[in-house]
Structures are given as structure tokens and as C-alpha cells.
């Protein structure tokens, strides 16, 4: 749990029952409760005066979440909820978690957090996190004030070769194990060698924070197995149409940010949303950032600024 220090800056306070911690720039990221990956973190903001809390591995989103908190003027608590068994340590002893189980994990966490408060919340989801965020909104309809989906992955793009390739690997237990073994082997090398490989083949433009998160958390056998297993169940579920009835019913509270060239959330999906729910706030990012915006400082800061401005504007409209 992150609280204010005497200077007003965030400081880390160990949460009860947390696992091992890792300090990053004065913040303590806890591994024992929830974990995340490059795609799909679900930041939740409430209108209180506390800074952001971290539950799990939020290394990929650290710059974004800190910038979002600052851009909201320190007037909101921002909690980044990651995915089970996507962290450095295998606390779940090899268990694989489906998309449905990951959604229930977020809902269970929020039920505990919101049990004794009347506070409204704002849900922000990236990639598959946008799909998860909409499911959260369904469960907490009286609590959620605004939902924002960033570069959303809401349904399959059957024209995307990358998605087809990922789906092929994810559906094969043998290939998934092979990819996971390769990832864990790279992660087991000397730290400087691992960093060099990650920077060369995955993140030539990544921030140092993202490279650190990739080396220490993504390149673990159990993490990669869970990434691919979750992807398999995502592709099964997202073969369906989005829940247009719900999106239409809540369209005044929903916003999406799309990228210009993003196969996870192509502009054809933006057009579909506009057709089914014309009051949804739709934006297109044209600054040259990517689906993995959170892996660069420039992307993190730009998207955080966009999100904060949208939230503040929506709150003004809602209060008027």
C-alpha cells in the first residue's frame, strides 16, 4: 500500500500478508497478491486523497500509473491490479489460470476493497484488460463512474496474422511448454546477457523499467505458461461478439482509445462500437505510440495525460 510521506510524495508501506517485495525508485512492488504482464493491467481510481497502491508486478505500468496519479493532482487513489501467476515467483505451484478465473480474481479483490466504502470508482483497462474492465463494470454497476479502455482487445481480429500465430502456439500444449522453456532459459542466463537479449529482440525502444520487468518477471516458465494459457482462453471467449447491449446501456460512461495500427484493436472495431453505441467517447491516438505504450516512457506519459484529462472532463460533466 502506498501512502503519503511527510513531503507529500508516495512512500511504500508493506501490506499485510504480502509476499516478497522489490524496490523500484522508492516504490515497493509486492508479488504475493496479484501479478501482471505487458497486456491487460486494470488500474482503478477512486476519488479519495491517497496515491496509487500496487498489488503485484506492475513494473510495465509503473511509469503510466505514477504519471496518471500525478496528472490527477494527487486527488485519487490508483490501484493497479495484475494477473495471478504472472510474476517472478511461482506462488501458485504451476497452476494455470483462464481468462474467467483472472476476471474473478479482480472482482474478488475489488469486493474486499469496496466492502466498507460508498466511494465510486473509475476503471481503466489496457488490451485484454479492457475486456476484463467491462466485466468489472457489469458486477459493480452502482460503483463504477467511468470506464476507459486503452488500445482495447474486445474481439478477435481474424485478419491479423500475429493473432493467428499466437493462437496456434497457445492452443498447443507442446508448443506452449517449448516457448516457456526457452523463455525461462533466457531468464536464467547472466543478468547482462538476458538484458541484452530482451533489449535486442523484444524491447529496442523499451524503457529501463520495462526491460527490468521483462527480464525478472516475464522470462519465467510459470509466467509464460500462464500468458499462453490465458491467451488460449481469451481467443476462445473473444471469438464472440462484444456485449453490445451492456455497452449501449452504459455508453455515456464508457470511453475507448484506439491506436492507428493496432491489430489487437483495429479501427474497424472502433467503427463497430460507433455503430452499436454512438454515445461512447472514442479517440484515436496519432502520436506514434503502440499497443505496448506502457513499455516506453513517452507512451506512458502521453496515455496518462490523455486518461487524466478524459477522467477530469467526464467528472465535470457528471457533476454538472
C-alpha atoms as a PDB file:
ATOM      1  CA  UNK A   1       0.000   0.000   0.000  1.00  0.00           C
ATOM      2  CA  UNK A   2       1.455   3.377  -0.959  1.00  0.00           C
ATOM      3  CA  UNK A   3       0.795   6.280   1.358  1.00  0.00           C
ATOM      4  CA  UNK A   4       1.938   9.889   1.613  1.00  0.00           C
ATOM      5  CA  UNK A   5       5.241  10.583   3.300  1.00  0.00           C
ATOM      6  CA  UNK A   6       5.916  13.808   5.191  1.00  0.00           C
ATOM      7  CA  UNK A   7       6.892  15.542   1.949  1.00  0.00           C
ATOM      8  CA  UNK A   8       3.644  14.501   0.273  1.00  0.00           C
ATOM      9  CA  UNK A   9       5.451  12.105  -2.079  1.00  0.00           C
ATOM     10  CA  UNK A  10       4.405   8.446  -2.229  1.00  0.00           C
ATOM     11  CA  UNK A  11       6.250   6.059   0.033  1.00  0.00           C
ATOM     12  CA  UNK A  12       5.948   2.307   0.318  1.00  0.00           C
ATOM     13  CA  UNK A  13       4.236   0.677   3.279  1.00  0.00           C
ATOM     14  CA  UNK A  14       4.264  -3.153   3.361  1.00  0.00           C
ATOM     15  CA  UNK A  15       0.706  -4.535   3.085  1.00  0.00           C
ATOM     16  CA  UNK A  16      -0.326  -7.256   5.500  1.00  0.00           C
ATOM     17  CA  UNK A  17       0.191 -10.763   4.180  1.00  0.00           C
ATOM     18  CA  UNK A  18       2.137  -9.684   1.107  1.00  0.00           C
ATOM     19  CA  UNK A  19       4.861 -11.741  -0.461  1.00  0.00           C
ATOM     20  CA  UNK A  20       8.429 -10.709  -1.133  1.00  0.00           C
ATOM     21  CA  UNK A  21       8.946  -7.113  -2.228  1.00  0.00           C
ATOM     22  CA  UNK A  22      11.143  -5.487  -4.843  1.00  0.00           C
ATOM     23  CA  UNK A  23      12.017  -1.800  -4.567  1.00  0.00           C
ATOM     24  CA  UNK A  24      11.752   0.308  -7.710  1.00  0.00           C
ATOM     25  CA  UNK A  25      12.500   4.030  -7.461  1.00  0.00           C
ATOM     26  CA  UNK A  26      11.216   4.222  -3.889  1.00  0.00           C
ATOM     27  CA  UNK A  27       8.173   2.050  -4.532  1.00  0.00           C
ATOM     28  CA  UNK A  28       7.785  -1.460  -3.202  1.00  0.00           C
ATOM     29  CA  UNK A  29       6.091  -3.767  -5.693  1.00  0.00           C
ATOM     30  CA  UNK A  30       4.530  -6.740  -3.968  1.00  0.00           C
ATOM     31  CA  UNK A  31       4.371 -10.189  -5.570  1.00  0.00           C
ATOM     32  CA  UNK A  32       2.121 -12.210  -3.280  1.00  0.00           C
ATOM     33  CA  UNK A  33      -1.382 -10.991  -4.102  1.00  0.00           C
ATOM     34  CA  UNK A  34      -1.629 -10.325  -7.841  1.00  0.00           C
ATOM     35  CA  UNK A  35       0.655 -10.189 -10.840  1.00  0.00           C
ATOM     36  CA  UNK A  36       0.539  -8.671 -14.295  1.00  0.00           C
ATOM     37  CA  UNK A  37       2.032  -8.908 -17.771  1.00  0.00           C
ATOM     38  CA  UNK A  38       2.610  -6.466 -20.629  1.00  0.00           C
ATOM     39  CA  UNK A  39      -1.028  -6.582 -21.658  1.00  0.00           C
ATOM     40  CA  UNK A  40      -4.050  -6.240 -19.504  1.00  0.00           C
ATOM     41  CA  UNK A  41      -3.434  -4.342 -16.256  1.00  0.00           C
ATOM     42  CA  UNK A  42      -6.570  -2.843 -14.759  1.00  0.00           C
ATOM     43  CA  UNK A  43      -5.898   0.434 -12.935  1.00  0.00           C
ATOM     44  CA  UNK A  44      -8.796   1.538 -10.730  1.00  0.00           C
ATOM     45  CA  UNK A  45      -9.073   5.121  -9.473  1.00  0.00           C
ATOM     46  CA  UNK A  46     -11.302   6.277  -6.634  1.00  0.00           C
ATOM     47  CA  UNK A  47     -11.990   9.837  -5.594  1.00  0.00           C
ATOM     48  CA  UNK A  48     -10.049   9.870  -2.358  1.00  0.00           C
ATOM     49  CA  UNK A  49      -6.813  11.557  -1.418  1.00  0.00           C
ATOM     50  CA  UNK A  50      -4.459   8.576  -1.386  1.00  0.00           C
ATOM     51  CA  UNK A  51      -1.817   7.823  -4.013  1.00  0.00           C
ATOM     52  CA  UNK A  52      -1.695   4.666  -6.067  1.00  0.00           C
ATOM     53  CA  UNK A  53      -1.498   1.238  -4.498  1.00  0.00           C
ATOM     54  CA  UNK A  54       0.239  -1.684  -6.145  1.00  0.00           C
ATOM     55  CA  UNK A  55      -0.919  -5.281  -5.942  1.00  0.00           C
ATOM     56  CA  UNK A  56       1.588  -7.486  -7.736  1.00  0.00           C
ATOM     57  CA  UNK A  57       4.028  -6.934 -10.565  1.00  0.00           C
ATOM     58  CA  UNK A  58       3.222  -3.553 -12.041  1.00  0.00           C
ATOM     59  CA  UNK A  59       6.665  -2.896 -13.493  1.00  0.00           C
ATOM     60  CA  UNK A  60       5.415  -2.499 -17.056  1.00  0.00           C
ATOM     61  CA  UNK A  61       2.819   0.042 -15.920  1.00  0.00           C
ATOM     62  CA  UNK A  62       4.838   1.834 -13.267  1.00  0.00           C
ATOM     63  CA  UNK A  63       5.561   4.967 -15.325  1.00  0.00           C
ATOM     64  CA  UNK A  64       1.952   5.128 -16.552  1.00  0.00           C
ATOM     65  CA  UNK A  65       0.350   4.700 -13.136  1.00  0.00           C
ATOM     66  CA  UNK A  66       2.653   7.217 -11.451  1.00  0.00           C
ATOM     67  CA  UNK A  67       2.016   9.751 -14.225  1.00  0.00           C
ATOM     68  CA  UNK A  68      -1.745   9.159 -14.008  1.00  0.00           C
ATOM     69  CA  UNK A  69      -1.682   9.785 -10.267  1.00  0.00           C
ATOM     70  CA  UNK A  70       0.306  12.993 -10.716  1.00  0.00           C
ATOM     71  CA  UNK A  71      -1.919  14.187 -13.583  1.00  0.00           C
ATOM     72  CA  UNK A  72      -4.975  13.698 -11.389  1.00  0.00           C
ATOM     73  CA  UNK A  73      -3.391  16.112  -8.938  1.00  0.00           C
ATOM     74  CA  UNK A  74      -2.853  13.518  -6.229  1.00  0.00           C
ATOM     75  CA  UNK A  75      -6.603  13.549  -5.598  1.00  0.00           C
ATOM     76  CA  UNK A  76      -7.245   9.903  -6.439  1.00  0.00           C
ATOM     77  CA  UNK A  77      -6.151   6.510  -5.206  1.00  0.00           C
ATOM     78  CA  UNK A  78      -4.943   4.499  -8.207  1.00  0.00           C
ATOM     79  CA  UNK A  79      -4.687   0.732  -7.774  1.00  0.00           C
ATOM     80  CA  UNK A  80      -3.063  -1.417 -10.478  1.00  0.00           C
ATOM     81  CA  UNK A  81      -4.405  -4.974 -10.366  1.00  0.00           C
ATOM     82  CA  UNK A  82      -2.339  -7.579 -12.182  1.00  0.00           C
ATOM     83  CA  UNK A  83      -2.876 -11.221 -13.099  1.00  0.00           C
ATOM     84  CA  UNK A  84      -2.443 -14.331 -10.967  1.00  0.00           C
ATOM     85  CA  UNK A  85       0.782 -16.267 -11.592  1.00  0.00           C
ATOM     86  CA  UNK A  86       2.345 -13.694 -13.903  1.00  0.00           C
ATOM     87  CA  UNK A  87       5.153 -12.813 -11.506  1.00  0.00           C
ATOM     88  CA  UNK A  88       8.713 -13.638 -10.554  1.00  0.00           C
ATOM     89  CA  UNK A  89       7.813 -16.358  -8.036  1.00  0.00           C
ATOM     90  CA  UNK A  90       5.542 -19.317  -8.721  1.00  0.00           C
ATOM     91  CA  UNK A  91       3.243 -18.906  -5.722  1.00  0.00           C
ATOM     92  CA  UNK A  92       0.524 -20.980  -7.413  1.00  0.00           C
ATOM     93  CA  UNK A  93       2.780 -24.054  -7.899  1.00  0.00           C
ATOM     94  CA  UNK A  94       2.333 -24.420 -11.645  1.00  0.00           C
ATOM     95  CA  UNK A  95      -1.426 -23.869 -11.780  1.00  0.00           C
ATOM     96  CA  UNK A  96      -2.750 -22.292 -14.988  1.00  0.00           C
ATOM     97  CA  UNK A  97      -5.464 -19.626 -14.858  1.00  0.00           C
ATOM     98  CA  UNK A  98      -8.091 -18.966 -17.533  1.00  0.00           C
ATOM     99  CA  UNK A  99      -9.482 -15.598 -18.585  1.00  0.00           C
ATOM    100  CA  UNK A 100     -12.599 -16.277 -16.499  1.00  0.00           C
ATOM    101  CA  UNK A 101     -10.504 -17.059 -13.412  1.00  0.00           C
ATOM    102  CA  UNK A 102      -8.449 -13.901 -13.922  1.00  0.00           C
ATOM    103  CA  UNK A 103     -11.675 -11.860 -14.110  1.00  0.00           C
ATOM    104  CA  UNK A 104     -12.974 -13.456 -10.907  1.00  0.00           C
ATOM    105  CA  UNK A 105      -9.647 -12.677  -9.238  1.00  0.00           C
ATOM    106  CA  UNK A 106     -10.081  -8.950  -9.990  1.00  0.00           C
ATOM    107  CA  UNK A 107     -13.698  -8.992  -8.842  1.00  0.00           C
ATOM    108  CA  UNK A 108     -12.805 -10.767  -5.581  1.00  0.00           C
ATOM    109  CA  UNK A 109     -10.108  -8.174  -4.916  1.00  0.00           C
ATOM    110  CA  UNK A 110     -12.466  -5.256  -5.571  1.00  0.00           C
ATOM    111  CA  UNK A 111     -15.243  -6.775  -3.463  1.00  0.00           C
ATOM    112  CA  UNK A 112     -12.867  -6.742  -0.499  1.00  0.00           C
ATOM    113  CA  UNK A 113     -11.660  -3.207  -1.261  1.00  0.00           C
ATOM    114  CA  UNK A 114     -15.169  -1.784  -1.724  1.00  0.00           C
ATOM    115  CA  UNK A 115     -16.884  -3.710   1.066  1.00  0.00           C
ATOM    116  CA  UNK A 116     -16.937  -0.860   3.583  1.00  0.00           C
ATOM    117  CA  UNK A 117     -16.962   2.207   1.357  1.00  0.00           C
ATOM    118  CA  UNK A 118     -19.506   4.180  -0.634  1.00  0.00           C
ATOM    119  CA  UNK A 119     -16.727   5.521  -2.853  1.00  0.00           C
ATOM    120  CA  UNK A 120     -17.288   5.473  -6.617  1.00  0.00           C
ATOM    121  CA  UNK A 121     -14.520   4.079  -8.826  1.00  0.00           C
ATOM    122  CA  UNK A 122     -13.092   4.660 -12.294  1.00  0.00           C
ATOM    123  CA  UNK A 123     -11.934   1.555 -14.169  1.00  0.00           C
ATOM    124  CA  UNK A 124      -9.153   1.744 -16.768  1.00  0.00           C
ATOM    125  CA  UNK A 125      -8.207  -1.364 -18.746  1.00  0.00           C
ATOM    126  CA  UNK A 126      -5.483  -1.932 -21.348  1.00  0.00           C
ATOM    127  CA  UNK A 127      -5.735  -4.568 -24.099  1.00  0.00           C
ATOM    128  CA  UNK A 128      -7.454  -7.657 -22.635  1.00  0.00           C
ATOM    129  CA  UNK A 129      -7.734  -5.527 -19.510  1.00  0.00           C
ATOM    130  CA  UNK A 130     -10.388  -3.528 -21.378  1.00  0.00           C
ATOM    131  CA  UNK A 131     -12.483  -6.688 -21.734  1.00  0.00           C
ATOM    132  CA  UNK A 132     -11.859  -7.512 -18.072  1.00  0.00           C
ATOM    133  CA  UNK A 133     -12.728  -3.928 -17.124  1.00  0.00           C
ATOM    134  CA  UNK A 134     -16.114  -4.175 -18.836  1.00  0.00           C
ATOM    135  CA  UNK A 135     -16.814  -7.362 -16.870  1.00  0.00           C
ATOM    136  CA  UNK A 136     -15.898  -5.490 -13.677  1.00  0.00           C
ATOM    137  CA  UNK A 137     -18.325  -2.735 -14.675  1.00  0.00           C
ATOM    138  CA  UNK A 138     -21.109  -5.312 -15.030  1.00  0.00           C
ATOM    139  CA  UNK A 139     -20.518  -6.560 -11.485  1.00  0.00           C
ATOM    140  CA  UNK A 140     -20.176  -3.107  -9.901  1.00  0.00           C
ATOM    141  CA  UNK A 141     -22.674  -1.062 -11.890  1.00  0.00           C
ATOM    142  CA  UNK A 142     -23.575   1.182  -8.950  1.00  0.00           C
ATOM    143  CA  UNK A 143     -19.923   1.809  -8.069  1.00  0.00           C
ATOM    144  CA  UNK A 144     -18.314   2.446 -11.468  1.00  0.00           C
ATOM    145  CA  UNK A 145     -18.446   6.093 -12.514  1.00  0.00           C
ATOM    146  CA  UNK A 146     -16.326   5.879 -15.695  1.00  0.00           C
ATOM    147  CA  UNK A 147     -14.766   3.082 -17.739  1.00  0.00           C
ATOM    148  CA  UNK A 148     -11.822   3.747 -20.072  1.00  0.00           C
ATOM    149  CA  UNK A 149     -10.437   1.091 -22.416  1.00  0.00           C
ATOM    150  CA  UNK A 150      -6.912   1.725 -23.751  1.00  0.00           C
ATOM    151  CA  UNK A 151      -5.960   0.015 -27.027  1.00  0.00           C
ATOM    152  CA  UNK A 152      -8.782  -2.450 -26.288  1.00  0.00           C
ATOM    153  CA  UNK A 153      -8.808  -6.125 -27.209  1.00  0.00           C
ATOM    154  CA  UNK A 154     -12.545  -6.887 -27.172  1.00  0.00           C
ATOM    155  CA  UNK A 155     -12.951  -9.378 -30.012  1.00  0.00           C
ATOM    156  CA  UNK A 156     -10.719 -11.380 -32.353  1.00  0.00           C
ATOM    157  CA  UNK A 157      -9.267  -9.743 -35.438  1.00  0.00           C
ATOM    158  CA  UNK A 158      -9.422 -12.619 -37.900  1.00  0.00           C
ATOM    159  CA  UNK A 159      -7.329 -10.711 -40.435  1.00  0.00           C
ATOM    160  CA  UNK A 160      -4.336 -10.439 -38.078  1.00  0.00           C
ATOM    161  CA  UNK A 161      -1.578 -12.952 -38.831  1.00  0.00           C
ATOM    162  CA  UNK A 162       0.095 -12.289 -35.459  1.00  0.00           C
ATOM    163  CA  UNK A 163      -3.070 -13.251 -33.605  1.00  0.00           C
ATOM    164  CA  UNK A 164      -3.358 -16.426 -35.683  1.00  0.00           C
ATOM    165  CA  UNK A 165       0.257 -17.346 -34.865  1.00  0.00           C
ATOM    166  CA  UNK A 166      -0.172 -16.658 -31.140  1.00  0.00           C
ATOM    167  CA  UNK A 167      -3.406 -18.645 -31.125  1.00  0.00           C
ATOM    168  CA  UNK A 168      -1.702 -21.596 -32.839  1.00  0.00           C
ATOM    169  CA  UNK A 169       1.054 -21.699 -30.213  1.00  0.00           C
ATOM    170  CA  UNK A 170      -1.351 -21.121 -27.312  1.00  0.00           C
ATOM    171  CA  UNK A 171      -3.631 -23.993 -28.367  1.00  0.00           C
ATOM    172  CA  UNK A 172      -0.733 -26.456 -28.422  1.00  0.00           C
ATOM    173  CA  UNK A 173       0.380 -27.670 -25.008  1.00  0.00           C
ATOM    174  CA  UNK A 174       3.652 -28.918 -26.527  1.00  0.00           C
ATOM    175  CA  UNK A 175       4.469 -25.602 -28.228  1.00  0.00           C
ATOM    176  CA  UNK A 176       3.451 -23.618 -25.132  1.00  0.00           C
ATOM    177  CA  UNK A 177       5.801 -25.679 -22.986  1.00  0.00           C
ATOM    178  CA  UNK A 178       8.605 -25.250 -25.537  1.00  0.00           C
ATOM    179  CA  UNK A 179       8.215 -21.471 -25.691  1.00  0.00           C
ATOM    180  CA  UNK A 180       8.033 -21.305 -21.888  1.00  0.00           C
ATOM    181  CA  UNK A 181      11.200 -23.389 -21.513  1.00  0.00           C
ATOM    182  CA  UNK A 182      13.014 -21.099 -23.949  1.00  0.00           C
ATOM    183  CA  UNK A 183      11.821 -18.030 -22.024  1.00  0.00           C
ATOM    184  CA  UNK A 184      12.950 -19.484 -18.702  1.00  0.00           C
ATOM    185  CA  UNK A 185      16.339 -20.448 -20.188  1.00  0.00           C
ATOM    186  CA  UNK A 186      16.913 -16.864 -21.373  1.00  0.00           C
ATOM    187  CA  UNK A 187      15.793 -15.627 -17.960  1.00  0.00           C
ATOM    188  CA  UNK A 188      18.300 -17.923 -16.235  1.00  0.00           C
ATOM    189  CA  UNK A 189      21.326 -16.501 -18.066  1.00  0.00           C
ATOM    190  CA  UNK A 190      23.677 -13.921 -16.617  1.00  0.00           C
ATOM    191  CA  UNK A 191      21.664 -10.748 -15.999  1.00  0.00           C
ATOM    192  CA  UNK A 192      23.605  -8.646 -18.505  1.00  0.00           C
ATOM    193  CA  UNK A 193      23.124 -11.295 -21.216  1.00  0.00           C
ATOM    194  CA  UNK A 194      19.390 -11.546 -20.508  1.00  0.00           C
ATOM    195  CA  UNK A 195      19.022  -7.757 -20.657  1.00  0.00           C
ATOM    196  CA  UNK A 196      20.915  -7.641 -23.942  1.00  0.00           C
ATOM    197  CA  UNK A 197      18.662 -10.314 -25.487  1.00  0.00           C
ATOM    198  CA  UNK A 198      15.466  -8.634 -24.261  1.00  0.00           C
ATOM    199  CA  UNK A 199      16.593  -5.243 -25.494  1.00  0.00           C
ATOM    200  CA  UNK A 200      17.637  -6.583 -28.898  1.00  0.00           C
ATOM    201  CA  UNK A 201      14.696  -8.861 -29.696  1.00  0.00           C
ATOM    202  CA  UNK A 202      11.793  -7.551 -27.606  1.00  0.00           C
ATOM    203  CA  UNK A 203      12.340  -4.010 -26.474  1.00  0.00           C
ATOM    204  CA  UNK A 204      14.761  -1.925 -28.524  1.00  0.00           C
ATOM    205  CA  UNK A 205      12.679   1.137 -27.606  1.00  0.00           C
ATOM    206  CA  UNK A 206      11.613  -0.053 -24.156  1.00  0.00           C
ATOM    207  CA  UNK A 207      12.286   1.976 -21.040  1.00  0.00           C
ATOM    208  CA  UNK A 208      14.746   0.638 -18.470  1.00  0.00           C
ATOM    209  CA  UNK A 209      11.794  -0.071 -16.167  1.00  0.00           C
ATOM    210  CA  UNK A 210      10.068  -2.212 -18.808  1.00  0.00           C
ATOM    211  CA  UNK A 211      13.274  -4.107 -19.588  1.00  0.00           C
ATOM    212  CA  UNK A 212      13.712  -4.832 -15.877  1.00  0.00           C
ATOM    213  CA  UNK A 213      10.142  -6.137 -15.642  1.00  0.00           C
ATOM    214  CA  UNK A 214      10.593  -8.259 -18.758  1.00  0.00           C
ATOM    215  CA  UNK A 215      13.831  -9.813 -17.537  1.00  0.00           C
ATOM    216  CA  UNK A 216      12.736 -10.554 -13.986  1.00  0.00           C
ATOM    217  CA  UNK A 217       9.078 -11.483 -14.407  1.00  0.00           C
ATOM    218  CA  UNK A 218       8.120 -12.307 -17.983  1.00  0.00           C
ATOM    219  CA  UNK A 219      11.035 -14.708 -18.548  1.00  0.00           C
ATOM    220  CA  UNK A 220       9.807 -17.280 -16.036  1.00  0.00           C
ATOM    221  CA  UNK A 221       8.456 -20.694 -17.044  1.00  0.00           C
ATOM    222  CA  UNK A 222       5.250 -20.408 -14.996  1.00  0.00           C
ATOM    223  CA  UNK A 223       4.643 -16.845 -16.205  1.00  0.00           C
ATOM    224  CA  UNK A 224       4.974 -17.674 -19.890  1.00  0.00           C
ATOM    225  CA  UNK A 225       2.834 -20.797 -19.474  1.00  0.00           C
ATOM    226  CA  UNK A 226       0.132 -18.665 -17.875  1.00  0.00           C
ATOM    227  CA  UNK A 227       0.452 -15.950 -20.529  1.00  0.00           C
ATOM    228  CA  UNK A 228      -0.134 -18.539 -23.262  1.00  0.00           C
ATOM    229  CA  UNK A 229      -2.862 -20.444 -21.402  1.00  0.00           C
ATOM    230  CA  UNK A 230      -4.725 -17.217 -20.704  1.00  0.00           C
ATOM    231  CA  UNK A 231      -4.283 -16.262 -24.374  1.00  0.00           C
ATOM    232  CA  UNK A 232      -5.829 -19.592 -25.417  1.00  0.00           C
ATOM    233  CA  UNK A 233      -8.910 -18.939 -23.291  1.00  0.00           C
ATOM    234  CA  UNK A 234      -9.040 -15.311 -24.461  1.00  0.00           C
ATOM    235  CA  UNK A 235      -9.154 -16.422 -28.083  1.00  0.00           C
ATOM    236  CA  UNK A 236     -11.941 -18.886 -27.286  1.00  0.00           C
ATOM    237  CA  UNK A 237     -14.072 -16.289 -25.491  1.00  0.00           C
ATOM    238  CA  UNK A 238     -13.341 -13.327 -27.740  1.00  0.00           C
ATOM    239  CA  UNK A 239     -14.439 -15.269 -30.781  1.00  0.00           C
ATOM    240  CA  UNK A 240     -17.849 -13.978 -29.680  1.00  0.00           C
ATOM    241  CA  UNK A 241     -19.259 -10.503 -30.323  1.00  0.00           C
ATOM    242  CA  UNK A 242     -18.835  -7.906 -27.551  1.00  0.00           C
ATOM    243  CA  UNK A 243     -21.805  -7.406 -25.228  1.00  0.00           C
ATOM    244  CA  UNK A 244     -23.398  -4.618 -27.251  1.00  0.00           C
ATOM    245  CA  UNK A 245     -26.463  -4.435 -25.011  1.00  0.00           C
ATOM    246  CA  UNK A 246     -24.350  -3.584 -21.970  1.00  0.00           C
ATOM    247  CA  UNK A 247     -22.084  -1.176 -23.860  1.00  0.00           C
ATOM    248  CA  UNK A 248     -25.137   0.573 -25.306  1.00  0.00           C
ATOM    249  CA  UNK A 249     -26.824   0.795 -21.893  1.00  0.00           C
ATOM    250  CA  UNK A 250     -23.723   2.344 -20.287  1.00  0.00           C
ATOM    251  CA  UNK A 251     -22.411   4.275 -23.301  1.00  0.00           C
ATOM    252  CA  UNK A 252     -22.437   7.656 -21.548  1.00  0.00           C
ATOM    253  CA  UNK A 253     -19.932   6.254 -19.006  1.00  0.00           C
ATOM    254  CA  UNK A 254     -17.642   4.452 -21.468  1.00  0.00           C
ATOM    255  CA  UNK A 255     -14.631   5.689 -23.458  1.00  0.00           C
ATOM    256  CA  UNK A 256     -12.058   3.929 -25.660  1.00  0.00           C
ATOM    257  CA  UNK A 257      -8.651   4.962 -27.000  1.00  0.00           C
ATOM    258  CA  UNK A 258      -7.555   3.182 -30.189  1.00  0.00           C
ATOM    259  CA  UNK A 259      -4.209   3.141 -31.975  1.00  0.00           C
ATOM    260  CA  UNK A 260      -3.761   3.826 -35.682  1.00  0.00           C
ATOM    261  CA  UNK A 261      -2.077   0.486 -36.488  1.00  0.00           C
ATOM    262  CA  UNK A 262      -3.051  -1.927 -33.713  1.00  0.00           C
ATOM    263  CA  UNK A 263      -4.081  -5.436 -34.721  1.00  0.00           C
ATOM    264  CA  UNK A 264      -5.476  -6.112 -31.220  1.00  0.00           C
ATOM    265  CA  UNK A 265      -7.872  -3.194 -31.512  1.00  0.00           C
ATOM    266  CA  UNK A 266      -8.130  -2.200 -35.187  1.00  0.00           C
ATOM    267  CA  UNK A 267     -10.068   0.862 -36.304  1.00  0.00           C
ATOM    268  CA  UNK A 268     -12.740  -1.412 -37.763  1.00  0.00           C
ATOM    269  CA  UNK A 269     -13.616  -2.281 -34.148  1.00  0.00           C
ATOM    270  CA  UNK A 270     -13.885   1.442 -33.356  1.00  0.00           C
ATOM    271  CA  UNK A 271     -16.338   1.753 -36.238  1.00  0.00           C
ATOM    272  CA  UNK A 272     -18.367  -1.166 -34.877  1.00  0.00           C
ATOM    273  CA  UNK A 273     -18.576   0.471 -31.452  1.00  0.00           C
ATOM    274  CA  UNK A 274     -19.644   3.761 -33.031  1.00  0.00           C
ATOM    275  CA  UNK A 275     -22.397   1.953 -34.920  1.00  0.00           C
ATOM    276  CA  UNK A 276     -23.748  -0.002 -31.937  1.00  0.00           C
ATOM    277  CA  UNK A 277     -23.241   2.644 -29.209  1.00  0.00           C
ATOM    278  CA  UNK A 278     -22.845   6.117 -30.771  1.00  0.00           C
ATOM    279  CA  UNK A 279     -22.528   7.956 -27.431  1.00  0.00           C
ATOM    280  CA  UNK A 280     -19.376   6.084 -26.395  1.00  0.00           C
ATOM    281  CA  UNK A 281     -16.426   8.525 -26.327  1.00  0.00           C
ATOM    282  CA  UNK A 282     -13.995   7.281 -28.992  1.00  0.00           C
ATOM    283  CA  UNK A 283     -10.473   8.618 -29.577  1.00  0.00           C
ATOM    284  CA  UNK A 284      -7.603   7.669 -31.885  1.00  0.00           C
ATOM    285  CA  UNK A 285      -4.001   8.126 -30.752  1.00  0.00           C
ATOM    286  CA  UNK A 286      -1.930   9.521 -33.635  1.00  0.00           C
ATOM    287  CA  UNK A 287       1.312  10.343 -31.811  1.00  0.00           C
ATOM    288  CA  UNK A 288       3.159   7.234 -32.970  1.00  0.00           C
ATOM    289  CA  UNK A 289       2.819   5.152 -29.799  1.00  0.00           C
ATOM    290  CA  UNK A 290       1.999   1.453 -29.934  1.00  0.00           C
ATOM    291  CA  UNK A 291      -0.260  -1.123 -28.310  1.00  0.00           C
ATOM    292  CA  UNK A 292       2.536  -1.649 -25.776  1.00  0.00           C
ATOM    293  CA  UNK A 293       2.574   2.059 -24.858  1.00  0.00           C
ATOM    294  CA  UNK A 294       3.386   1.232 -21.238  1.00  0.00           C
ATOM    295  CA  UNK A 295       6.829  -0.092 -22.231  1.00  0.00           C
ATOM    296  CA  UNK A 296       8.118   3.367 -23.202  1.00  0.00           C
ATOM    297  CA  UNK A 297       8.287   6.496 -21.096  1.00  0.00           C
ATOM    298  CA  UNK A 298       6.880   8.662 -23.901  1.00  0.00           C
ATOM    299  CA  UNK A 299       3.921   6.329 -24.420  1.00  0.00           C
ATOM    300  CA  UNK A 300       3.239   6.023 -20.702  1.00  0.00           C
ATOM    301  CA  UNK A 301       3.277   9.784 -20.163  1.00  0.00           C
ATOM    302  CA  UNK A 302       1.138  10.587 -23.217  1.00  0.00           C
ATOM    303  CA  UNK A 303      -1.536   7.996 -22.405  1.00  0.00           C
ATOM    304  CA  UNK A 304      -1.564   9.002 -18.726  1.00  0.00           C
ATOM    305  CA  UNK A 305      -2.111  12.629 -19.738  1.00  0.00           C
ATOM    306  CA  UNK A 306      -4.919  11.611 -22.105  1.00  0.00           C
ATOM    307  CA  UNK A 307      -6.555   9.399 -19.457  1.00  0.00           C
ATOM    308  CA  UNK A 308      -6.353  12.052 -16.738  1.00  0.00           C
ATOM    309  CA  UNK A 309      -7.854  14.734 -18.985  1.00  0.00           C
ATOM    310  CA  UNK A 310     -10.685  12.439 -20.055  1.00  0.00           C
ATOM    311  CA  UNK A 311     -11.417  11.450 -16.456  1.00  0.00           C
ATOM    312  CA  UNK A 312     -11.443  15.073 -15.274  1.00  0.00           C
ATOM    313  CA  UNK A 313     -13.690  16.157 -18.144  1.00  0.00           C
ATOM    314  CA  UNK A 314     -16.087  13.264 -17.603  1.00  0.00           C
ATOM    315  CA  UNK A 315     -16.247  14.006 -13.877  1.00  0.00           C
ATOM    316  CA  UNK A 316     -17.103  17.644 -14.628  1.00  0.00           C
ATOM    317  CA  UNK A 317     -19.885  16.548 -16.979  1.00  0.00           C
ATOM    318  CA  UNK A 318     -21.158  14.049 -14.424  1.00  0.00           C
ATOM    319  CA  UNK A 319     -21.173  16.631 -11.624  1.00  0.00           C
ATOM    320  CA  UNK A 320     -22.902  19.331 -13.703  1.00  0.00           C
END
